[in-house]
Every structure is written in structure tokens, then in C-alpha cells.
C-alpha atoms as a PDB file:
ATOM      1  CA  MET A   1       0.000   0.000   0.000  1.00  0.00           C
ATOM      2  CA  THR A   2       2.257   2.730  -1.320  1.00  0.00           C
ATOM      3  CA  TRP A   3      -0.450   5.331  -0.831  1.00  0.00           C
ATOM      4  CA  LEU A   4      -0.716   4.593   2.898  1.00  0.00           C
ATOM      5  CA  THR A   5       2.979   5.180   3.517  1.00  0.00           C
ATOM      6  CA  PHE A   6       2.796   8.312   1.395  1.00  0.00           C
ATOM      7  CA  ILE A   7      -0.237   9.794   3.167  1.00  0.00           C
ATOM      8  CA  ASN A   8       1.394   9.125   6.549  1.00  0.00           C
ATOM      9  CA  SER A   9       4.601  10.876   5.509  1.00  0.00           C
ATOM     10  CA  PHE A  10       3.610  13.742   7.775  1.00  0.00           C
ATOM     11  CA  TRP A  11       4.540  12.373  11.184  1.00  0.00           C
ATOM     12  CA  THR A  12       2.861  13.752  14.278  1.00  0.00           C
ATOM     13  CA  ASP A  13       3.841  13.116  17.860  1.00  0.00           C
ATOM     14  CA  TRP A  14       1.021  10.899  19.093  1.00  0.00           C
ATOM     15  CA  ARG A  15       1.643  12.157  22.645  1.00  0.00           C
ATOM     16  CA  GLY A  16       0.987  15.762  21.630  1.00  0.00           C
ATOM     17  CA  ARG A  17       4.428  16.995  22.671  1.00  0.00           C
ATOM     18  CA  ASP A  18       5.500  18.595  19.389  1.00  0.00           C
ATOM     19  CA  LYS A  19       4.035  19.727  16.094  1.00  0.00           C
ATOM     20  CA  GLY A  20       5.447  16.803  14.106  1.00  0.00           C
ATOM     21  CA  ARG A  21       7.658  16.646  11.076  1.00  0.00           C
ATOM     22  CA  ASP A  22       7.215  16.267   7.370  1.00  0.00           C
ATOM     23  CA  ARG A  23       9.148  13.265   6.130  1.00  0.00           C
ATOM     24  CA  LEU A  24       8.764  14.379   2.522  1.00  0.00           C
ATOM     25  CA  GLU A  25      11.264  17.086   3.460  1.00  0.00           C
ATOM     26  CA  GLU A  26      13.778  14.408   4.463  1.00  0.00           C
ATOM     27  CA  GLU A  27      15.586  13.232   1.353  1.00  0.00           C
ATOM     28  CA  GLU A  28      16.801  10.005   2.954  1.00  0.00           C
ATOM     29  CA  TRP A  29      13.250   9.053   4.020  1.00  0.00           C
ATOM     30  CA  PHE A  30      11.984   9.921   0.533  1.00  0.00           C
ATOM     31  CA  ARG A  31      14.642   7.744  -1.161  1.00  0.00           C
ATOM     32  CA  THR A  32      13.757   4.850   1.173  1.00  0.00           C
ATOM     33  CA  PHE A  33      10.057   5.323   0.353  1.00  0.00           C
ATOM     34  CA  LEU A  34      10.820   5.061  -3.367  1.00  0.00           C
ATOM     35  CA  GLU A  35      13.037   2.024  -2.847  1.00  0.00           C
ATOM     36  CA  LYS A  36      10.519   0.134  -0.694  1.00  0.00           C
ATOM     37  CA  GLY A  37       7.738   0.935  -3.151  1.00  0.00           C
ATOM     38  CA  ASN A  38       9.934  -0.236  -6.033  1.00  0.00           C
ATOM     39  CA  ILE A  39       9.444   3.172  -7.650  1.00  0.00           C
ATOM     40  CA  LYS A  40      11.993   4.773  -9.931  1.00  0.00           C
ATOM     41  CA  LEU A  41      12.309   8.553 -10.121  1.00  0.00           C
ATOM     42  CA  ASN A  42      14.754  10.179 -12.508  1.00  0.00           C
ATOM     43  CA  GLU A  43      14.174  13.710 -11.277  1.00  0.00           C
ATOM     44  CA  PRO A  44      16.314  15.519  -8.719  1.00  0.00           C
ATOM     45  CA  TYR A  45      15.059  15.895  -5.165  1.00  0.00           C
ATOM     46  CA  THR A  46      14.119  19.587  -5.036  1.00  0.00           C
ATOM     47  CA  SER A  47      11.892  21.823  -2.948  1.00  0.00           C
ATOM     48  CA  GLU A  48       9.526  22.099  -5.954  1.00  0.00           C
ATOM     49  CA  LEU A  49       9.179  18.304  -6.081  1.00  0.00           C
ATOM     50  CA  VAL A  50       8.475  18.207  -2.345  1.00  0.00           C
ATOM     51  CA  GLU A  51       5.853  20.977  -2.580  1.00  0.00           C
ATOM     52  CA  ASP A  52       4.155  19.199  -5.488  1.00  0.00           C
ATOM     53  CA  LEU A  53       3.990  15.956  -3.509  1.00  0.00           C
ATOM     54  CA  LYS A  54       2.706  17.779  -0.415  1.00  0.00           C
ATOM     55  CA  HIS A  55      -0.166  19.070  -2.540  1.00  0.00           C
ATOM     56  CA  VAL A  56      -0.990  15.527  -3.694  1.00  0.00           C
ATOM     57  CA  ARG A  57      -0.825  14.289  -0.089  1.00  0.00           C
ATOM     58  CA  HIS A  58      -3.147  17.057   1.065  1.00  0.00           C
ATOM     59  CA  GLU A  59      -5.687  16.242  -1.649  1.00  0.00           C
ATOM     60  CA  MET A  60      -5.524  12.528  -0.805  1.00  0.00           C
ATOM     61  CA  SER A  61      -5.911  13.281   2.908  1.00  0.00           C
ATOM     62  CA  GLU A  62      -9.103  15.204   2.215  1.00  0.00           C
ATOM     63  CA  VAL A  63     -10.512  12.280   0.216  1.00  0.00           C
ATOM     64  CA  VAL A  64      -9.607   9.858   3.021  1.00  0.00           C
ATOM     65  CA  ARG A  65     -11.220  12.144   5.607  1.00  0.00           C
ATOM     66  CA  ARG A  66     -14.433  12.164   3.575  1.00  0.00           C
ATOM     67  CA  LEU A  67     -14.378   8.378   3.181  1.00  0.00           C
ATOM     68  CA  VAL A  68     -13.848   7.852   6.910  1.00  0.00           C
ATOM     69  CA  ASN A  69     -16.748  10.215   7.625  1.00  0.00           C
ATOM     70  CA  GLU A  70     -18.849   8.158   5.170  1.00  0.00           C
ATOM     71  CA  GLU A  71     -19.221  11.084   2.797  1.00  0.00           C
ATOM     72  CA  LEU A  72     -19.188  10.809  -0.963  1.00  0.00           C
ATOM     73  CA  ILE A  73     -16.029  11.625  -2.845  1.00  0.00           C
ATOM     74  CA  ARG A  74     -16.595  14.937  -4.612  1.00  0.00           C
ATOM     75  CA  LYS A  75     -16.565  15.141  -8.403  1.00  0.00           C
ATOM     76  CA  GLU A  76     -13.643  17.572  -8.235  1.00  0.00           C
ATOM     77  CA  ASP A  77     -11.636  14.966  -6.309  1.00  0.00           C
ATOM     78  CA  MET A  78     -12.440  12.300  -8.884  1.00  0.00           C
ATOM     79  CA  LEU A  79     -11.400  14.640 -11.693  1.00  0.00           C
ATOM     80  CA  LYS A  80      -8.118  15.486  -9.961  1.00  0.00           C
ATOM     81  CA  MET A  81      -7.314  11.813  -9.328  1.00  0.00           C
ATOM     82  CA  ASN A  82      -8.156  10.990 -12.937  1.00  0.00           C
ATOM     83  CA  GLN A  83      -5.846  13.781 -14.125  1.00  0.00           C
ATOM     84  CA  TRP A  84      -2.982  12.359 -12.077  1.00  0.00           C
ATOM     85  CA  LEU A  85      -3.736   8.838 -13.288  1.00  0.00           C
ATOM     86  CA  ALA A  86      -3.791  10.015 -16.922  1.00  0.00           C
ATOM     87  CA  GLN A  87      -0.237  11.349 -16.569  1.00  0.00           C
ATOM     88  CA  GLY A  88       1.102   7.854 -15.915  1.00  0.00           C
ATOM     89  CA  THR A  89       2.059   5.592 -18.780  1.00  0.00           C
ATOM     90  CA  TYR A  90       2.234   1.840 -18.367  1.00  0.00           C
ATOM     91  CA  ILE A  91       2.662  -1.394 -20.218  1.00  0.00           C
ATOM     92  CA  ARG A  92       1.250  -4.718 -19.140  1.00  0.00           C
ATOM     93  CA  GLN A  93       3.089  -7.993 -19.232  1.00  0.00           C
ATOM     94  CA  ILE A  94       2.276 -11.545 -18.344  1.00  0.00           C
ATOM     95  CA  GLU A  95       4.541 -13.464 -15.997  1.00  0.00           C
ATOM     96  CA  GLN A  96       4.481 -17.088 -14.994  1.00  0.00           C
ATOM     97  CA  LYS A  97       5.485 -18.220 -11.534  1.00  0.00           C
ATOM     98  CA  GLU A  98       5.350 -21.992 -11.299  1.00  0.00           C
ATOM     99  CA  ASN A  99       1.803 -22.853 -12.443  1.00  0.00           C
ATOM    100  CA  GLN A 100       0.380 -19.375 -11.834  1.00  0.00           C
ATOM    101  CA  PHE A 101       0.042 -16.554 -14.308  1.00  0.00           C
ATOM    102  CA  GLU A 102       0.131 -12.929 -13.296  1.00  0.00           C
ATOM    103  CA  LEU A 103      -0.621  -9.737 -15.201  1.00  0.00           C
ATOM    104  CA  ILE A 104       1.845  -7.068 -14.116  1.00  0.00           C
ATOM    105  CA  THR A 105       1.830  -3.368 -14.847  1.00  0.00           C
ATOM    106  CA  LEU A 106       5.152  -1.639 -15.478  1.00  0.00           C
ATOM    107  CA  PRO A 107       5.689   2.137 -15.646  1.00  0.00           C
ATOM    108  CA  LEU A 108       7.158   3.419 -18.906  1.00  0.00           C
ATOM    109  CA  ASP A 109       9.038   6.343 -17.411  1.00  0.00           C
ATOM    110  CA  SER A 110      10.403   7.626 -14.118  1.00  0.00           C
ATOM    111  CA  SER A 111       8.997  11.157 -14.010  1.00  0.00           C
ATOM    112  CA  LEU A 112       7.286  13.019 -11.186  1.00  0.00           C
ATOM    113  CA  ALA A 113       3.997  12.663 -13.084  1.00  0.00           C
ATOM    114  CA  GLN A 114       4.534   8.898 -13.150  1.00  0.00           C
ATOM    115  CA  LEU A 115       5.267   8.868  -9.412  1.00  0.00           C
ATOM    116  CA  LYS A 116       2.029  10.705  -8.669  1.00  0.00           C
ATOM    117  CA  ALA A 117       0.115   8.339 -10.976  1.00  0.00           C
ATOM    118  CA  GLN A 118       1.571   5.322  -9.159  1.00  0.00           C
ATOM    119  CA  ILE A 119       0.646   6.679  -5.728  1.00  0.00           C
ATOM    120  CA  ILE A 120      -2.883   7.535  -6.824  1.00  0.00           C
ATOM    121  CA  ALA A 121      -3.251   4.156  -8.599  1.00  0.00           C
ATOM    122  CA  SER A 122      -2.295   2.422  -5.351  1.00  0.00           C
ATOM    123  CA  PHE A 123      -5.013   4.395  -3.544  1.00  0.00           C
ATOM    124  CA  VAL A 124      -7.631   3.789  -6.251  1.00  0.00           C
ATOM    125  CA  GLU A 125      -6.930   0.033  -6.140  1.00  0.00           C
ATOM    126  CA  ALA A 126      -7.884   0.080  -2.457  1.00  0.00           C
ATOM    127  CA  LEU A 127     -11.101   1.926  -3.334  1.00  0.00           C
ATOM    128  CA  VAL A 128     -11.986  -0.396  -6.213  1.00  0.00           C
ATOM    129  CA  GLU A 129     -11.382  -3.528  -4.139  1.00  0.00           C
ATOM    130  CA  GLY A 130     -13.763  -2.207  -1.482  1.00  0.00           C
ATOM    131  CA  GLN A 131     -10.968  -1.820   1.057  1.00  0.00           C
ATOM    132  CA  TYR A 132     -11.941   1.806   1.666  1.00  0.00           C
ATOM    133  CA  LYS A 133     -14.364   0.620   4.363  1.00  0.00           C
ATOM    134  CA  ARG A 134     -11.332  -0.515   6.342  1.00  0.00           C
ATOM    135  CA  ILE A 135      -9.465   2.788   6.013  1.00  0.00           C
ATOM    136  CA  LYS A 136      -9.544   4.633   9.325  1.00  0.00           C
ATOM    137  CA  ILE A 137      -8.001   7.665  10.982  1.00  0.00           C
ATOM    138  CA  CYS A 138      -6.663   7.189  14.502  1.00  0.00           C
ATOM    139  CA  ASP A 139      -9.046   8.540  17.168  1.00  0.00           C
ATOM    140  CA  ASN A 140      -6.123  10.073  19.055  1.00  0.00           C
ATOM    141  CA  PRO A 141      -6.435  13.780  18.119  1.00  0.00           C
ATOM    142  CA  ASP A 142      -2.664  14.190  18.469  1.00  0.00           C
ATOM    143  CA  CYS A 143      -1.931  11.331  16.074  1.00  0.00           C
ATOM    144  CA  ARG A 144      -4.486  11.271  13.216  1.00  0.00           C
ATOM    145  CA  TRP A 145      -2.483   8.475  11.501  1.00  0.00           C
ATOM    146  CA  VAL A 146      -4.285   6.804   8.614  1.00  0.00           C
ATOM    147  CA  TYR A 147      -4.349   3.026   8.968  1.00  0.00           C
ATOM    148  CA  TYR A 148      -5.961  -0.078   7.542  1.00  0.00           C
ATOM    149  CA  ASP A 149      -8.302  -1.822  10.023  1.00  0.00           C
ATOM    150  CA  THR A 150      -7.678  -5.566   9.806  1.00  0.00           C
ATOM    151  CA  THR A 151     -10.094  -6.538  12.579  1.00  0.00           C
ATOM    152  CA  LYS A 152     -12.931  -8.867  11.645  1.00  0.00           C
ATOM    153  CA  ASN A 153     -15.693  -6.467  12.718  1.00  0.00           C
ATOM    154  CA  ARG A 154     -13.856  -3.259  11.693  1.00  0.00           C
ATOM    155  CA  SER A 155     -13.994  -1.895  15.230  1.00  0.00           C
ATOM    156  CA  LYS A 156     -10.411  -0.737  15.647  1.00  0.00           C
ATOM    157  CA  ARG A 157     -10.232   2.901  16.785  1.00  0.00           C
ATOM    158  CA  PHE A 158      -6.523   3.540  17.165  1.00  0.00           C
ATOM    159  CA  CYS A 159      -3.586   3.021  14.826  1.00  0.00           C
ATOM    160  CA  ASP A 160      -1.833   1.108  17.618  1.00  0.00           C
ATOM    161  CA  ASP A 161      -3.541  -0.081  20.802  1.00  0.00           C
ATOM    162  CA  LYS A 162      -0.277  -0.104  22.747  1.00  0.00           C
ATOM    163  CA  THR A 163       0.578   3.524  22.015  1.00  0.00           C
ATOM    164  CA  CYS A 164      -2.432   5.634  21.092  1.00  0.00           C
ATOM    165  CA  GLY A 165      -4.979   3.247  22.609  1.00  0.00           C
ATOM    166  CA  ASN A 166      -3.280   3.168  26.020  1.00  0.00           C
ATOM    167  CA  LEU A 167      -2.618   6.908  25.948  1.00  0.00           C
ATOM    168  CA  MET A 168      -6.293   7.671  25.305  1.00  0.00           C
ATOM    169  CA  LYS A 169      -7.400   5.258  28.073  1.00  0.00           C
ATOM    170  CA  VAL A 170      -5.092   7.037  30.518  1.00  0.00           C
ATOM    171  CA  ARG A 171      -6.394  10.441  29.409  1.00  0.00           C
ATOM    172  CA  ARG A 172     -10.028   9.312  29.818  1.00  0.00           C
ATOM    173  CA  HIS A 173      -9.259   7.870  33.252  1.00  0.00           C
ATOM    174  CA  ARG A 174      -7.542  11.065  34.410  1.00  0.00           C
ATOM    175  CA  ALA A 175     -10.402  13.221  33.093  1.00  0.00           C
ATOM    176  CA  GLN A 176     -12.969  11.043  34.936  1.00  0.00           C
ATOM    177  CA  LYS A 177     -10.908  11.157  38.148  1.00  0.00           C
ATOM    178  CA  LYS A 178     -10.547  14.935  37.898  1.00  0.00           C
ATOM    179  CA  ALA A 179     -14.309  15.330  37.300  1.00  0.00           C
ATOM    180  CA  SER A 180     -15.153  13.124  40.290  1.00  0.00           C
ATOM    181  CA  ASP A 181     -12.728  15.061  42.518  1.00  0.00           C
ATOM    182  CA  LEU A 182     -14.622  18.293  41.870  1.00  0.00           C
END
């Protein structure tokens, strides 16, 4: 899920101690993101590239927020995603692995437009496969991490129960104790 790593590239301190940091501004993180996603980019890492990708991330974040709130995706959002998808060029090839056949899609170039198309395609695949119902935003207001809910009944509320989940339980407990002490 390339899109999920990309959308979470803005890291926030889940404890609420600092304002967070934008990993897109960290060239090493960005190079690792490309490598792990098996994405090639033949353009230099510049502030213009980073700003362009921040814009894409912002637009995607708004779409995710609407999905999580069970709102419809706006026509403008669909048009924008389709514009980004149209900028990508691909070829398809068949591969055989043992007795299985697989249709693979390979990018034809390594441009910024292709990168954006690949990220958006990754997101759209999740939508098409119906996985969007499992996309959630952490209930910790200091975190707001986007995650994929793998629970059977889709009841997960926090990106990580050991960090954000425990923190929110402690906060609720302290608020209840403070209210009862008054």
C-alpha cells in the first residue's frame, strides 16, 4: 500500500508533545520510500518536487477524511485523481510463476507525473477492491495516523492499541478522576 505510507509521511507526535515533522522534506526518508515501493524517479530531489507531492498528499488526505466520515467523494476529487492517473504511462506484461500466471503493470518512465500516478493508482486500487471501508483515521487527536483496520468487525479505533490506545485510556481515566474530585 504505497499510498498509505505516502499519506502518513507527515509524522505527528502521538503524545501531543510537538508539532510533528514532514518526512517528505527528508531526502533520505523519501529515497527509502521510493526504494521500498519499487518506484523509480529520474528527477532531482528539489523543494519544488516536495511541494508538489505535499499538494498531492493534502488532496488525498481530504478524500480519506471524507471516506472515513462516510461522505461521498466529490466530483472535483475524482477529476483530480483521474488527471494524475492520466499522466502515468504503463505497459502490461504476463509473468508465470510456477503454475500461476500474473498480469503485471510496469511504468514506462520515471517522471514526477509517473510517481504521482503510481501513488494515486495504489489508492484507487484500495477503493476499487472495497478496502476503503477498512481505512480509518486514529481517534487520538494528536496522532491522526491513517491506517488499515484488519479486525474482523472493523472496530479498531486507534492506529496502535499499545501507544495511542493506552494513551487515550489514561487520558479518559484522568479526566474522569478529575471530574469526580470536583
